[in-house]
PDB file of N, CA and C in Angstrom:
ATOM      1  N   MET A   1      72.951  98.573 116.030  1.00  0.00           N
ATOM      2  CA  MET A   1      73.845  98.830 114.923  1.00  0.00           C
ATOM      3  C   MET A   1      73.084  98.707 113.613  1.00  0.00           C
ATOM      4  N   THR A   2      73.491  99.521 112.694  1.00  0.00           N
ATOM      5  CA  THR A   2      72.862  99.468 111.391  1.00  0.00           C
ATOM      6  C   THR A   2      73.508  98.387 110.538  1.00  0.00           C
ATOM      7  N   ARG A   3      72.827  98.021 109.480  1.00  0.00           N
ATOM      8  CA  ARG A   3      73.375  97.024 108.550  1.00  0.00           C
ATOM      9  C   ARG A   3      74.687  97.535 107.957  1.00  0.00           C
ATOM     10  N   HIS A   4      74.757  98.818 107.681  1.00  0.00           N
ATOM     11  CA  HIS A   4      75.956  99.418 107.113  1.00  0.00           C
ATOM     12  C   HIS A   4      77.144  99.250 108.079  1.00  0.00           C
ATOM     13  N   THR A   5      76.919  99.512 109.357  1.00  0.00           N
ATOM     14  CA  THR A   5      77.976  99.357 110.363  1.00  0.00           C
ATOM     15  C   THR A   5      78.419  97.904 110.454  1.00  0.00           C
ATOM     16  N   LEU A   6      77.475  96.976 110.441  1.00  0.00           N
ATOM     17  CA  LEU A   6      77.807  95.556 110.504  1.00  0.00           C
ATOM     18  C   LEU A   6      78.618  95.121 109.282  1.00  0.00           C
ATOM     19  N   ASN A   7      78.275  95.639 108.122  1.00  0.00           N
ATOM     20  CA  ASN A   7      79.045  95.313 106.914  1.00  0.00           C
ATOM     21  C   ASN A   7      80.490  95.786 107.030  1.00  0.00           C
ATOM     22  N   TRP A   8      80.683  97.007 107.542  1.00  0.00           N
ATOM     23  CA  TRP A   8      82.039  97.529 107.712  1.00  0.00           C
ATOM     24  C   TRP A   8      82.806  96.704 108.740  1.00  0.00           C
ATOM     25  N   MET A   9      82.147  96.328 109.827  1.00  0.00           N
ATOM     26  CA  MET A   9      82.807  95.525 110.854  1.00  0.00           C
ATOM     27  C   MET A   9      83.224  94.161 110.278  1.00  0.00           C
ATOM     28  N   ALA A  10      82.381  93.569 109.477  1.00  0.00           N
ATOM     29  CA  ALA A  10      82.702  92.285 108.855  1.00  0.00           C
ATOM     30  C   ALA A  10      83.890  92.437 107.910  1.00  0.00           C
ATOM     31  N   LEU A  11      83.906  93.521 107.154  1.00  0.00           N
ATOM     32  CA  LEU A  11      85.005  93.773 106.230  1.00  0.00           C
ATOM     33  C   LEU A  11      86.314  93.956 106.995  1.00  0.00           C
ATOM     34  N   PHE A  12      86.330  94.756 108.035  1.00  0.00           N
ATOM     35  CA  PHE A  12      87.548  94.976 108.825  1.00  0.00           C
ATOM     36  C   PHE A  12      88.028  93.686 109.486  1.00  0.00           C
ATOM     37  N   THR A  13      87.107  92.883 109.968  1.00  0.00           N
ATOM     38  CA  THR A  13      87.471  91.603 110.574  1.00  0.00           C
ATOM     39  C   THR A  13      88.114  90.685 109.541  1.00  0.00           C
ATOM     40  N   ALA A  14      87.541  90.625 108.357  1.00  0.00           N
ATOM     41  CA  ALA A  14      88.098  89.780 107.295  1.00  0.00           C
ATOM     42  C   ALA A  14      89.503  90.239 106.918  1.00  0.00           C
ATOM     43  N   VAL A  15      89.705  91.545 106.814  1.00  0.00           N
ATOM     44  CA  VAL A  15      91.029  92.071 106.479  1.00  0.00           C
ATOM     45  C   VAL A  15      92.025  91.760 107.587  1.00  0.00           C
ATOM     46  N   ALA A  16      91.632  91.945 108.828  1.00  0.00           N
ATOM     47  CA  ALA A  16      92.526  91.669 109.952  1.00  0.00           C
ATOM     48  C   ALA A  16      92.932  90.202 109.991  1.00  0.00           C
ATOM     49  N   LEU A  17      92.009  89.321 109.697  1.00  0.00           N
ATOM     50  CA  LEU A  17      92.328  87.891 109.688  1.00  0.00           C
ATOM     51  C   LEU A  17      93.203  87.514 108.503  1.00  0.00           C
ATOM     52  N   ALA A  18      93.053  88.218 107.409  1.00  0.00           N
ATOM     53  CA  ALA A  18      93.826  87.900 106.212  1.00  0.00           C
ATOM     54  C   ALA A  18      95.261  88.411 106.291  1.00  0.00           C
ATOM     55  N   LEU A  19      95.500  89.500 106.997  1.00  0.00           N
ATOM     56  CA  LEU A  19      96.833  90.096 107.023  1.00  0.00           C
ATOM     57  C   LEU A  19      97.932  89.160 107.491  1.00  0.00           C
ATOM     58  N   PRO A  20      97.773  88.378 108.560  1.00  0.00           N
ATOM     59  CA  PRO A  20      98.853  87.473 108.937  1.00  0.00           C
ATOM     60  C   PRO A  20      99.216  86.511 107.815  1.00  0.00           C
ATOM     61  N   GLY A  21      98.246  86.061 107.065  1.00  0.00           N
ATOM     62  CA  GLY A  21      98.529  85.172 105.945  1.00  0.00           C
ATOM     63  C   GLY A  21      99.291  85.874 104.842  1.00  0.00           C
ATOM     64  N   ILE A  22      99.009  87.126 104.633  1.00  0.00           N
ATOM     65  CA  ILE A  22      99.718  87.894 103.618  1.00  0.00           C
ATOM     66  C   ILE A  22     101.160  88.110 104.044  1.00  0.00           C
ATOM     67  N   ALA A  23     101.379  88.359 105.341  1.00  0.00           N
ATOM     68  CA  ALA A  23     102.726  88.629 105.822  1.00  0.00           C
ATOM     69  C   ALA A  23     103.560  87.355 105.969  1.00  0.00           C
ATOM     70  N   SER A  24     102.925  86.195 106.034  1.00  0.00           N
ATOM     71  CA  SER A  24     103.668  84.953 106.192  1.00  0.00           C
ATOM     72  C   SER A  24     104.600  84.729 105.019  1.00  0.00           C
ATOM     73  N   ALA A  25     105.697  84.075 105.309  1.00  0.00           N
ATOM     74  CA  ALA A  25     106.698  83.817 104.269  1.00  0.00           C
ATOM     75  C   ALA A  25     106.318  82.577 103.485  1.00  0.00           C
ATOM     76  N   HIS A  26     106.112  82.761 102.228  1.00  0.00           N
ATOM     77  CA  HIS A  26     105.921  81.624 101.337  1.00  0.00           C
ATOM     78  C   HIS A  26     107.224  81.488 100.565  1.00  0.00           C
ATOM     79  N   HIS A  27     108.282  81.152 101.305  1.00  0.00           N
ATOM     80  CA  HIS A  27     109.618  81.144 100.752  1.00  0.00           C
ATOM     81  C   HIS A  27     109.984  79.822 100.104  1.00  0.00           C
ATOM     82  N   ALA A  28     109.238  78.764 100.380  1.00  0.00           N
ATOM     83  CA  ALA A  28     109.579  77.466  99.814  1.00  0.00           C
ATOM     84  C   ALA A  28     108.362  76.568  99.757  1.00  0.00           C
ATOM     85  N   MET A  29     108.458  75.545  98.881  1.00  0.00           N
ATOM     86  CA  MET A  29     107.391  74.564  98.758  1.00  0.00           C
ATOM     87  C   MET A  29     107.989  73.272  98.215  1.00  0.00           C
ATOM     88  N   MET A  30     107.255  72.209  98.331  1.00  0.00           N
ATOM     89  CA  MET A  30     107.697  70.930  97.783  1.00  0.00           C
ATOM     90  C   MET A  30     107.206  70.820  96.348  1.00  0.00           C
ATOM     91  N   LYS A  31     108.103  70.379  95.454  1.00  0.00           N
ATOM     92  CA  LYS A  31     107.736  70.128  94.066  1.00  0.00           C
ATOM     93  C   LYS A  31     108.429  68.843  93.639  1.00  0.00           C
ATOM     94  N   ASP A  32     107.633  67.865  93.252  1.00  0.00           N
ATOM     95  CA  ASP A  32     108.159  66.562  92.844  1.00  0.00           C
ATOM     96  C   ASP A  32     109.071  65.966  93.914  1.00  0.00           C
ATOM     97  N   GLY A  33     108.710  66.161  95.185  1.00  0.00           N
ATOM     98  CA  GLY A  33     109.451  65.575  96.299  1.00  0.00           C
ATOM     99  C   GLY A  33     110.710  66.315  96.698  1.00  0.00           C
ATOM    100  N   VAL A  34     110.947  67.490  96.095  1.00  0.00           N
ATOM    101  CA  VAL A  34     112.135  68.286  96.399  1.00  0.00           C
ATOM    102  C   VAL A  34     111.688  69.683  96.814  1.00  0.00           C
ATOM    103  N   MET A  35     112.356  70.263  97.823  1.00  0.00           N
ATOM    104  CA  MET A  35     112.034  71.611  98.277  1.00  0.00           C
ATOM    105  C   MET A  35     112.616  72.629  97.293  1.00  0.00           C
ATOM    106  N   VAL A  36     111.775  73.585  96.887  1.00  0.00           N
ATOM    107  CA  VAL A  36     112.191  74.643  95.973  1.00  0.00           C
ATOM    108  C   VAL A  36     111.772  75.995  96.534  1.00  0.00           C
ATOM    109  N   ASP A  37     112.441  77.046  96.057  1.00  0.00           N
ATOM    110  CA  ASP A  37     112.068  78.395  96.483  1.00  0.00           C
ATOM    111  C   ASP A  37     110.884  78.886  95.656  1.00  0.00           C
ATOM    112  N   HIS A  38     110.470  80.141  95.870  1.00  0.00           N
ATOM    113  CA  HIS A  38     109.301  80.697  95.174  1.00  0.00           C
ATOM    114  C   HIS A  38     109.477  80.733  93.663  1.00  0.00           C
ATOM    115  N   ALA A  39     110.740  80.691  93.170  1.00  0.00           N
ATOM    116  CA  ALA A  39     111.001  80.703  91.724  1.00  0.00           C
ATOM    117  C   ALA A  39     111.177  79.292  91.164  1.00  0.00           C
ATOM    118  N   GLY A  40     111.002  78.279  92.025  1.00  0.00           N
ATOM    119  CA  GLY A  40     111.138  76.899  91.579  1.00  0.00           C
ATOM    120  C   GLY A  40     112.566  76.376  91.589  1.00  0.00           C
ATOM    121  N   MET A  41     113.496  77.153  92.174  1.00  0.00           N
ATOM    122  CA  MET A  41     114.889  76.736  92.232  1.00  0.00           C
ATOM    123  C   MET A  41     115.104  75.798  93.425  1.00  0.00           C
ATOM    124  N   THR A  42     115.869  74.736  93.187  1.00  0.00           N
ATOM    125  CA  THR A  42     116.122  73.710  94.194  1.00  0.00           C
ATOM    126  C   THR A  42     116.825  74.302  95.410  1.00  0.00           C
ATOM    127  N   LEU A  43     116.422  73.815  96.590  1.00  0.00           N
ATOM    128  CA  LEU A  43     117.028  74.256  97.849  1.00  0.00           C
ATOM    129  C   LEU A  43     117.896  73.138  98.425  1.00  0.00           C
ATOM    130  N   TYR A  44     119.013  73.549  99.034  1.00  0.00           N
ATOM    131  CA  TYR A  44     120.029  72.630  99.529  1.00  0.00           C
ATOM    132  C   TYR A  44     120.377  72.909 100.989  1.00  0.00           C
ATOM    133  N   THR A  45     120.941  71.878 101.637  1.00  0.00           N
ATOM    134  CA  THR A  45     121.556  72.035 102.948  1.00  0.00           C
ATOM    135  C   THR A  45     123.029  71.662 102.823  1.00  0.00           C
ATOM    136  N   PHE A  46     123.821  72.108 103.795  1.00  0.00           N
ATOM    137  CA  PHE A  46     125.272  71.944 103.813  1.00  0.00           C
ATOM    138  C   PHE A  46     125.646  71.184 105.075  1.00  0.00           C
ATOM    139  N   ASP A  47     126.310  70.035 104.927  1.00  0.00           N
ATOM    140  CA  ASP A  47     126.647  69.184 106.074  1.00  0.00           C
ATOM    141  C   ASP A  47     127.521  69.875 107.114  1.00  0.00           C
ATOM    142  N   LYS A  48     128.293  70.883 106.721  1.00  0.00           N
ATOM    143  CA  LYS A  48     129.207  71.537 107.658  1.00  0.00           C
ATOM    144  C   LYS A  48     128.509  72.553 108.557  1.00  0.00           C
ATOM    145  N   ASP A  49     127.243  72.882 108.251  1.00  0.00           N
ATOM    146  CA  ASP A  49     126.463  73.761 109.128  1.00  0.00           C
ATOM    147  C   ASP A  49     126.082  72.977 110.373  1.00  0.00           C
ATOM    148  N   SER A  50     126.089  73.665 111.526  1.00  0.00           N
ATOM    149  CA  SER A  50     125.659  72.992 112.755  1.00  0.00           C
ATOM    150  C   SER A  50     125.059  73.992 113.733  1.00  0.00           C
ATOM    151  N   ASP A  51     124.216  73.481 114.587  1.00  0.00           N
ATOM    152  CA  ASP A  51     123.589  74.288 115.637  1.00  0.00           C
ATOM    153  C   ASP A  51     122.913  75.542 115.099  1.00  0.00           C
ATOM    154  N   GLY A  52     122.252  75.424 113.927  1.00  0.00           N
ATOM    155  CA  GLY A  52     121.537  76.555 113.363  1.00  0.00           C
ATOM    156  C   GLY A  52     122.447  77.681 112.913  1.00  0.00           C
ATOM    157  N   LYS A  53     123.720  77.369 112.616  1.00  0.00           N
ATOM    158  CA  LYS A  53     124.681  78.371 112.173  1.00  0.00           C
ATOM    159  C   LYS A  53     125.188  78.020 110.784  1.00  0.00           C
ATOM    160  N   SER A  54     125.227  79.024 109.913  1.00  0.00           N
ATOM    161  CA  SER A  54     125.750  78.831 108.567  1.00  0.00           C
ATOM    162  C   SER A  54     127.272  78.899 108.586  1.00  0.00           C
ATOM    163  N   MET A  55     127.888  77.911 107.992  1.00  0.00           N
ATOM    164  CA  MET A  55     129.342  77.894 107.829  1.00  0.00           C
ATOM    165  C   MET A  55     129.714  78.287 106.401  1.00  0.00           C
ATOM    166  N   CYS A  56     128.733  78.654 105.600  1.00  0.00           N
ATOM    167  CA  CYS A  56     128.948  79.023 104.199  1.00  0.00           C
ATOM    168  C   CYS A  56     128.884  80.541 104.076  1.00  0.00           C
ATOM    169  N   ASN A  57     130.056  81.171 104.043  1.00  0.00           N
ATOM    170  CA  ASN A  57     130.171  82.624 103.959  1.00  0.00           C
ATOM    171  C   ASN A  57     131.129  82.993 102.835  1.00  0.00           C
ATOM    172  N   ASP A  58     131.250  84.262 102.548  1.00  0.00           N
ATOM    173  CA  ASP A  58     132.193  84.798 101.564  1.00  0.00           C
ATOM    174  C   ASP A  58     132.082  84.077 100.218  1.00  0.00           C
ATOM    175  N   GLU A  59     133.168  83.456  99.727  1.00  0.00           N
ATOM    176  CA  GLU A  59     133.155  82.782  98.423  1.00  0.00           C
ATOM    177  C   GLU A  59     132.115  81.670  98.374  1.00  0.00           C
ATOM    178  N   CYS A  60     132.000  80.934  99.460  1.00  0.00           N
ATOM    179  CA  CYS A  60     131.013  79.852  99.523  1.00  0.00           C
ATOM    180  C   CYS A  60     129.613  80.396  99.251  1.00  0.00           C
ATOM    181  N   ALA A  61     129.274  81.510  99.887  1.00  0.00           N
ATOM    182  CA  ALA A  61     127.933  82.088  99.738  1.00  0.00           C
ATOM    183  C   ALA A  61     127.705  82.674  98.344  1.00  0.00           C
ATOM    184  N   LYS A  62     128.777  82.959  97.608  1.00  0.00           N
ATOM    185  CA  LYS A  62     128.612  83.412  96.223  1.00  0.00           C
ATOM    186  C   LYS A  62     128.172  82.240  95.343  1.00  0.00           C
ATOM    187  N   ASN A  63     128.702  81.059  95.627  1.00  0.00           N
ATOM    188  CA  ASN A  63     128.348  79.862  94.862  1.00  0.00           C
ATOM    189  C   ASN A  63     127.066  79.212  95.371  1.00  0.00           C
ATOM    190  N   TRP A  64     126.818  79.349  96.644  1.00  0.00           N
ATOM    191  CA  TRP A  64     125.645  78.761  97.299  1.00  0.00           C
ATOM    192  C   TRP A  64     124.877  79.884  97.992  1.00  0.00           C
ATOM    193  N   PRO A  65     124.138  80.700  97.231  1.00  0.00           N
ATOM    194  CA  PRO A  65     123.433  81.832  97.837  1.00  0.00           C
ATOM    195  C   PRO A  65     122.437  81.386  98.916  1.00  0.00           C
ATOM    196  N   PRO A  66     122.555  81.977 100.095  1.00  0.00           N
ATOM    197  CA  PRO A  66     121.615  81.653 101.168  1.00  0.00           C
ATOM    198  C   PRO A  66     120.194  82.081 100.798  1.00  0.00           C
ATOM    199  N   LEU A  67     119.226  81.334 101.273  1.00  0.00           N
ATOM    200  CA  LEU A  67     117.828  81.740 101.118  1.00  0.00           C
ATOM    201  C   LEU A  67     117.568  82.783 102.203  1.00  0.00           C
ATOM    202  N   MET A  68     117.512  84.046 101.775  1.00  0.00           N
ATOM    203  CA  MET A  68     117.451  85.160 102.708  1.00  0.00           C
ATOM    204  C   MET A  68     116.027  85.475 103.157  1.00  0.00           C
ATOM    205  N   VAL A  69     115.932  85.931 104.385  1.00  0.00           N
ATOM    206  CA  VAL A  69     114.671  86.380 104.959  1.00  0.00           C
ATOM    207  C   VAL A  69     114.428  87.802 104.472  1.00  0.00           C
ATOM    208  N   LYS A  70     113.210  88.054 104.023  1.00  0.00           N
ATOM    209  CA  LYS A  70     112.824  89.403 103.616  1.00  0.00           C
ATOM    210  C   LYS A  70     112.097  90.072 104.775  1.00  0.00           C
ATOM    211  N   SER A  71     112.169  91.373 104.832  1.00  0.00           N
ATOM    212  CA  SER A  71     111.503  92.135 105.878  1.00  0.00           C
ATOM    213  C   SER A  71     110.025  91.764 105.941  1.00  0.00           C
ATOM    214  N   GLY A  72     109.556  91.462 107.121  1.00  0.00           N
ATOM    215  CA  GLY A  72     108.153  91.110 107.313  1.00  0.00           C
ATOM    216  C   GLY A  72     107.861  89.628 107.177  1.00  0.00           C
ATOM    217  N   ASP A  73     108.830  88.822 106.700  1.00  0.00           N
ATOM    218  CA  ASP A  73     108.625  87.372 106.603  1.00  0.00           C
ATOM    219  C   ASP A  73     108.446  86.783 107.989  1.00  0.00           C
ATOM    220  N   MET A  74     107.563  85.826 108.083  1.00  0.00           N
ATOM    221  CA  MET A  74     107.322  85.129 109.341  1.00  0.00           C
ATOM    222  C   MET A  74     107.571  83.651 109.130  1.00  0.00           C
ATOM    223  N   ALA A  75     108.143  83.013 110.128  1.00  0.00           N
ATOM    224  CA  ALA A  75     108.445  81.589 110.046  1.00  0.00           C
ATOM    225  C   ALA A  75     107.156  80.773 110.089  1.00  0.00           C
ATOM    226  N   GLU A  76     107.155  79.699 109.318  1.00  0.00           N
ATOM    227  CA  GLU A  76     106.057  78.752 109.311  1.00  0.00           C
ATOM    228  C   GLU A  76     106.576  77.438 109.861  1.00  0.00           C
ATOM    229  N   GLU A  77     105.720  76.465 109.985  1.00  0.00           N
ATOM    230  CA  GLU A  77     106.087  75.183 110.576  1.00  0.00           C
ATOM    231  C   GLU A  77     107.339  74.595 109.934  1.00  0.00           C
ATOM    232  N   GLY A  78     108.322  74.252 110.782  1.00  0.00           N
ATOM    233  CA  GLY A  78     109.571  73.654 110.326  1.00  0.00           C
ATOM    234  C   GLY A  78     110.630  74.674 109.956  1.00  0.00           C
ATOM    235  N   TRP A  79     110.255  75.941 109.828  1.00  0.00           N
ATOM    236  CA  TRP A  79     111.176  76.995 109.392  1.00  0.00           C
ATOM    237  C   TRP A  79     111.564  77.898 110.550  1.00  0.00           C
ATOM    238  N   THR A  80     112.826  78.342 110.554  1.00  0.00           N
ATOM    239  CA  THR A  80     113.309  79.319 111.521  1.00  0.00           C
ATOM    240  C   THR A  80     114.185  80.320 110.775  1.00  0.00           C
ATOM    241  N   GLN A  81     114.472  81.416 111.442  1.00  0.00           N
ATOM    242  CA  GLN A  81     115.360  82.429 110.898  1.00  0.00           C
ATOM    243  C   GLN A  81     116.643  82.424 111.711  1.00  0.00           C
ATOM    244  N   ILE A  82     117.786  82.412 111.019  1.00  0.00           N
ATOM    245  CA  ILE A  82     119.074  82.431 111.713  1.00  0.00           C
ATOM    246  C   ILE A  82     119.855  83.672 111.289  1.00  0.00           C
ATOM    247  N   LYS A  83     120.728  84.138 112.172  1.00  0.00           N
ATOM    248  CA  LYS A  83     121.554  85.297 111.855  1.00  0.00           C
ATOM    249  C   LYS A  83     122.868  84.819 111.261  1.00  0.00           C
ATOM    250  N   ARG A  84     123.221  85.374 110.112  1.00  0.00           N
ATOM    251  CA  ARG A  84     124.485  85.057 109.438  1.00  0.00           C
ATOM    252  C   ARG A  84     125.624  85.889 110.046  1.00  0.00           C
ATOM    253  N   ASP A  85     126.847  85.521 109.724  1.00  0.00           N
ATOM    254  CA  ASP A  85     128.009  86.242 110.253  1.00  0.00           C
ATOM    255  C   ASP A  85     127.972  87.731 109.932  1.00  0.00           C
ATOM    256  N   ASP A  86     127.380  88.100 108.792  1.00  0.00           N
ATOM    257  CA  ASP A  86     127.316  89.517 108.405  1.00  0.00           C
ATOM    258  C   ASP A  86     126.112  90.240 109.014  1.00  0.00           C
ATOM    259  N   GLY A  87     125.332  89.520 109.833  1.00  0.00           N
ATOM    260  CA  GLY A  87     124.178  90.123 110.494  1.00  0.00           C
ATOM    261  C   GLY A  87     122.871  89.981 109.737  1.00  0.00           C
ATOM    262  N   SER A  88     122.935  89.558 108.486  1.00  0.00           N
ATOM    263  CA  SER A  88     121.706  89.358 107.712  1.00  0.00           C
ATOM    264  C   SER A  88     120.998  88.086 108.196  1.00  0.00           C
ATOM    265  N   MET A  89     119.743  87.953 107.806  1.00  0.00           N
ATOM    266  CA  MET A  89     118.942  86.815 108.271  1.00  0.00           C
ATOM    267  C   MET A  89     118.710  85.829 107.130  1.00  0.00           C
ATOM    268  N   GLN A  90     118.848  84.549 107.455  1.00  0.00           N
ATOM    269  CA  GLN A  90     118.709  83.457 106.496  1.00  0.00           C
ATOM    270  C   GLN A  90     117.670  82.477 107.009  1.00  0.00           C
ATOM    271  N   TRP A  91     116.982  81.813 106.068  1.00  0.00           N
ATOM    272  CA  TRP A  91     116.033  80.770 106.437  1.00  0.00           C
ATOM    273  C   TRP A  91     116.768  79.471 106.752  1.00  0.00           C
ATOM    274  N   ALA A  92     116.237  78.758 107.742  1.00  0.00           N
ATOM    275  CA  ALA A  92     116.711  77.413 108.074  1.00  0.00           C
ATOM    276  C   ALA A  92     115.486  76.511 108.106  1.00  0.00           C
ATOM    277  N   TYR A  93     115.647  75.295 107.600  1.00  0.00           N
ATOM    278  CA  TYR A  93     114.563  74.323 107.608  1.00  0.00           C
ATOM    279  C   TYR A  93     114.967  73.171 108.516  1.00  0.00           C
ATOM    280  N   LYS A  94     114.144  72.929 109.534  1.00  0.00           N
ATOM    281  CA  LYS A  94     114.431  71.911 110.545  1.00  0.00           C
ATOM    282  C   LYS A  94     115.836  72.092 111.119  1.00  0.00           C
ATOM    283  N   GLY A  95     116.195  73.366 111.358  1.00  0.00           N
ATOM    284  CA  GLY A  95     117.460  73.706 111.989  1.00  0.00           C
ATOM    285  C   GLY A  95     118.648  73.817 111.060  1.00  0.00           C
ATOM    286  N   LYS A  96     118.473  73.493 109.777  1.00  0.00           N
ATOM    287  CA  LYS A  96     119.581  73.533 108.824  1.00  0.00           C
ATOM    288  C   LYS A  96     119.430  74.745 107.904  1.00  0.00           C
ATOM    289  N   PRO A  97     120.455  75.618 107.841  1.00  0.00           N
ATOM    290  CA  PRO A  97     120.401  76.746 106.904  1.00  0.00           C
ATOM    291  C   PRO A  97     120.166  76.257 105.473  1.00  0.00           C
ATOM    292  N   VAL A  98     119.460  77.067 104.688  1.00  0.00           N
ATOM    293  CA  VAL A  98     119.017  76.672 103.345  1.00  0.00           C
ATOM    294  C   VAL A  98     119.652  77.580 102.291  1.00  0.00           C
ATOM    295  N   TYR A  99     120.029  76.961 101.152  1.00  0.00           N
ATOM    296  CA  TYR A  99     120.739  77.646 100.073  1.00  0.00           C
ATOM    297  C   TYR A  99     120.188  77.237  98.706  1.00  0.00           C
ATOM    298  N   THR A 100     120.487  78.062  97.700  1.00  0.00           N
ATOM    299  CA  THR A 100     120.329  77.672  96.303  1.00  0.00           C
ATOM    300  C   THR A 100     121.745  77.423  95.769  1.00  0.00           C
ATOM    301  N   PHE A 101     121.876  77.062  94.481  1.00  0.00           N
ATOM    302  CA  PHE A 101     123.193  76.809  93.894  1.00  0.00           C
ATOM    303  C   PHE A 101     123.334  77.618  92.622  1.00  0.00           C
ATOM    304  N   ILE A 102     124.434  78.324  92.489  1.00  0.00           N
ATOM    305  CA  ILE A 102     124.635  79.241  91.370  1.00  0.00           C
ATOM    306  C   ILE A 102     124.627  78.529  90.012  1.00  0.00           C
ATOM    307  N   LYS A 103     124.996  77.249  89.965  1.00  0.00           N
ATOM    308  CA  LYS A 103     125.046  76.532  88.691  1.00  0.00           C
ATOM    309  C   LYS A 103     123.693  75.963  88.273  1.00  0.00           C
ATOM    310  N   ASP A 104     122.697  76.040  89.148  1.00  0.00           N
ATOM    311  CA  ASP A 104     121.332  75.691  88.757  1.00  0.00           C
ATOM    312  C   ASP A 104     120.800  76.879  87.962  1.00  0.00           C
ATOM    313  N   LYS A 105     120.551  76.667  86.677  1.00  0.00           N
ATOM    314  CA  LYS A 105     120.174  77.781  85.801  1.00  0.00           C
ATOM    315  C   LYS A 105     118.676  77.937  85.605  1.00  0.00           C
ATOM    316  N   LYS A 106     117.929  76.838  85.798  1.00  0.00           N
ATOM    317  CA  LYS A 106     116.481  76.941  85.611  1.00  0.00           C
ATOM    318  C   LYS A 106     115.776  76.120  86.682  1.00  0.00           C
ATOM    319  N   ALA A 107     114.511  76.422  86.860  1.00  0.00           N
ATOM    320  CA  ALA A 107     113.704  75.699  87.843  1.00  0.00           C
ATOM    321  C   ALA A 107     113.803  74.205  87.579  1.00  0.00           C
ATOM    322  N   GLY A 108     114.010  73.457  88.652  1.00  0.00           N
ATOM    323  CA  GLY A 108     114.098  72.006  88.540  1.00  0.00           C
ATOM    324  C   GLY A 108     115.512  71.472  88.442  1.00  0.00           C
ATOM    325  N   ASP A 109     116.488  72.332  88.103  1.00  0.00           N
ATOM    326  CA  ASP A 109     117.884  71.881  88.084  1.00  0.00           C
ATOM    327  C   ASP A 109     118.303  71.460  89.488  1.00  0.00           C
ATOM    328  N   MET A 110     119.102  70.399  89.580  1.00  0.00           N
ATOM    329  CA  MET A 110     119.611  69.918  90.866  1.00  0.00           C
ATOM    330  C   MET A 110     121.092  69.569  90.732  1.00  0.00           C
ATOM    331  N   THR A 111     121.855  70.424  90.052  1.00  0.00           N
ATOM    332  CA  THR A 111     123.253  70.115  89.762  1.00  0.00           C
ATOM    333  C   THR A 111     124.134  70.093  91.006  1.00  0.00           C
ATOM    334  N   GLY A 112     123.663  70.672  92.099  1.00  0.00           N
ATOM    335  CA  GLY A 112     124.465  70.701  93.323  1.00  0.00           C
ATOM    336  C   GLY A 112     124.267  69.513  94.238  1.00  0.00           C
ATOM    337  N   ASP A 113     123.284  68.658  93.936  1.00  0.00           N
ATOM    338  CA  ASP A 113     122.998  67.531  94.833  1.00  0.00           C
ATOM    339  C   ASP A 113     124.193  66.589  94.914  1.00  0.00           C
ATOM    340  N   GLY A 114     124.687  66.370  96.122  1.00  0.00           N
ATOM    341  CA  GLY A 114     125.818  65.475  96.348  1.00  0.00           C
ATOM    342  C   GLY A 114     127.173  66.117  96.104  1.00  0.00           C
ATOM    343  N   MET A 115     127.201  67.404  95.770  1.00  0.00           N
ATOM    344  CA  MET A 115     128.465  68.101  95.501  1.00  0.00           C
ATOM    345  C   MET A 115     129.412  67.940  96.696  1.00  0.00           C
ATOM    346  N   LYS A 116     130.604  67.440  96.414  1.00  0.00           N
ATOM    347  CA  LYS A 116     131.654  67.220  97.424  1.00  0.00           C
ATOM    348  C   LYS A 116     131.139  66.416  98.616  1.00  0.00           C
ATOM    349  N   ASP A 117     130.073  65.665  98.407  1.00  0.00           N
ATOM    350  CA  ASP A 117     129.456  64.836  99.445  1.00  0.00           C
ATOM    351  C   ASP A 117     128.978  65.631 100.664  1.00  0.00           C
ATOM    352  N   VAL A 118     128.814  66.954 100.527  1.00  0.00           N
ATOM    353  CA  VAL A 118     128.357  67.755 101.660  1.00  0.00           C
ATOM    354  C   VAL A 118     127.142  68.634 101.354  1.00  0.00           C
ATOM    355  N   TRP A 119     126.741  68.705 100.086  1.00  0.00           N
ATOM    356  CA  TRP A 119     125.564  69.493  99.694  1.00  0.00           C
ATOM    357  C   TRP A 119     124.453  68.540  99.265  1.00  0.00           C
ATOM    358  N   HIS A 120     123.236  68.787  99.772  1.00  0.00           N
ATOM    359  CA  HIS A 120     122.122  67.865  99.510  1.00  0.00           C
ATOM    360  C   HIS A 120     120.822  68.637  99.279  1.00  0.00           C
ATOM    361  N   VAL A 121     120.040  68.146  98.298  1.00  0.00           N
ATOM    362  CA  VAL A 121     118.715  68.733  98.121  1.00  0.00           C
ATOM    363  C   VAL A 121     117.864  68.380  99.339  1.00  0.00           C
ATOM    364  N   ILE A 122     116.905  69.218  99.615  1.00  0.00           N
ATOM    365  CA  ILE A 122     115.971  68.968 100.716  1.00  0.00           C
ATOM    366  C   ILE A 122     114.814  68.178 100.143  1.00  0.00           C
ATOM    367  N   LYS A 123     114.603  66.970 100.654  1.00  0.00           N
ATOM    368  CA  LYS A 123     113.529  66.101 100.170  1.00  0.00           C
ATOM    369  C   LYS A 123     112.470  65.949 101.221  1.00  0.00           C
TER     370      LYS A 123
END
């Protein structure tokens, strides 16, 4: 093989190895001990959810928007994808569906924590 061929093979190998990382979902991260989405908005769980099923639909989901799976997203450690009643896919962390809160207006807001004793930030 020529040096040129080896260079191309190395380039293709590097791209192939990088693609899974590009396709992986970077949908959440820890910030100051609290889980936030890619925009820095606080993420919550709902006590009424069970068995990897969201019980927050319709009006509830308008106030507590589910953290939705985007096409091509892949689950990472601790994360799974669950099917909502409408057939769309939502992220779950450690088996609990994950949401944001409509009254959180800027990154770092946690106004929904403890709401009605059933909504909690993910720590």
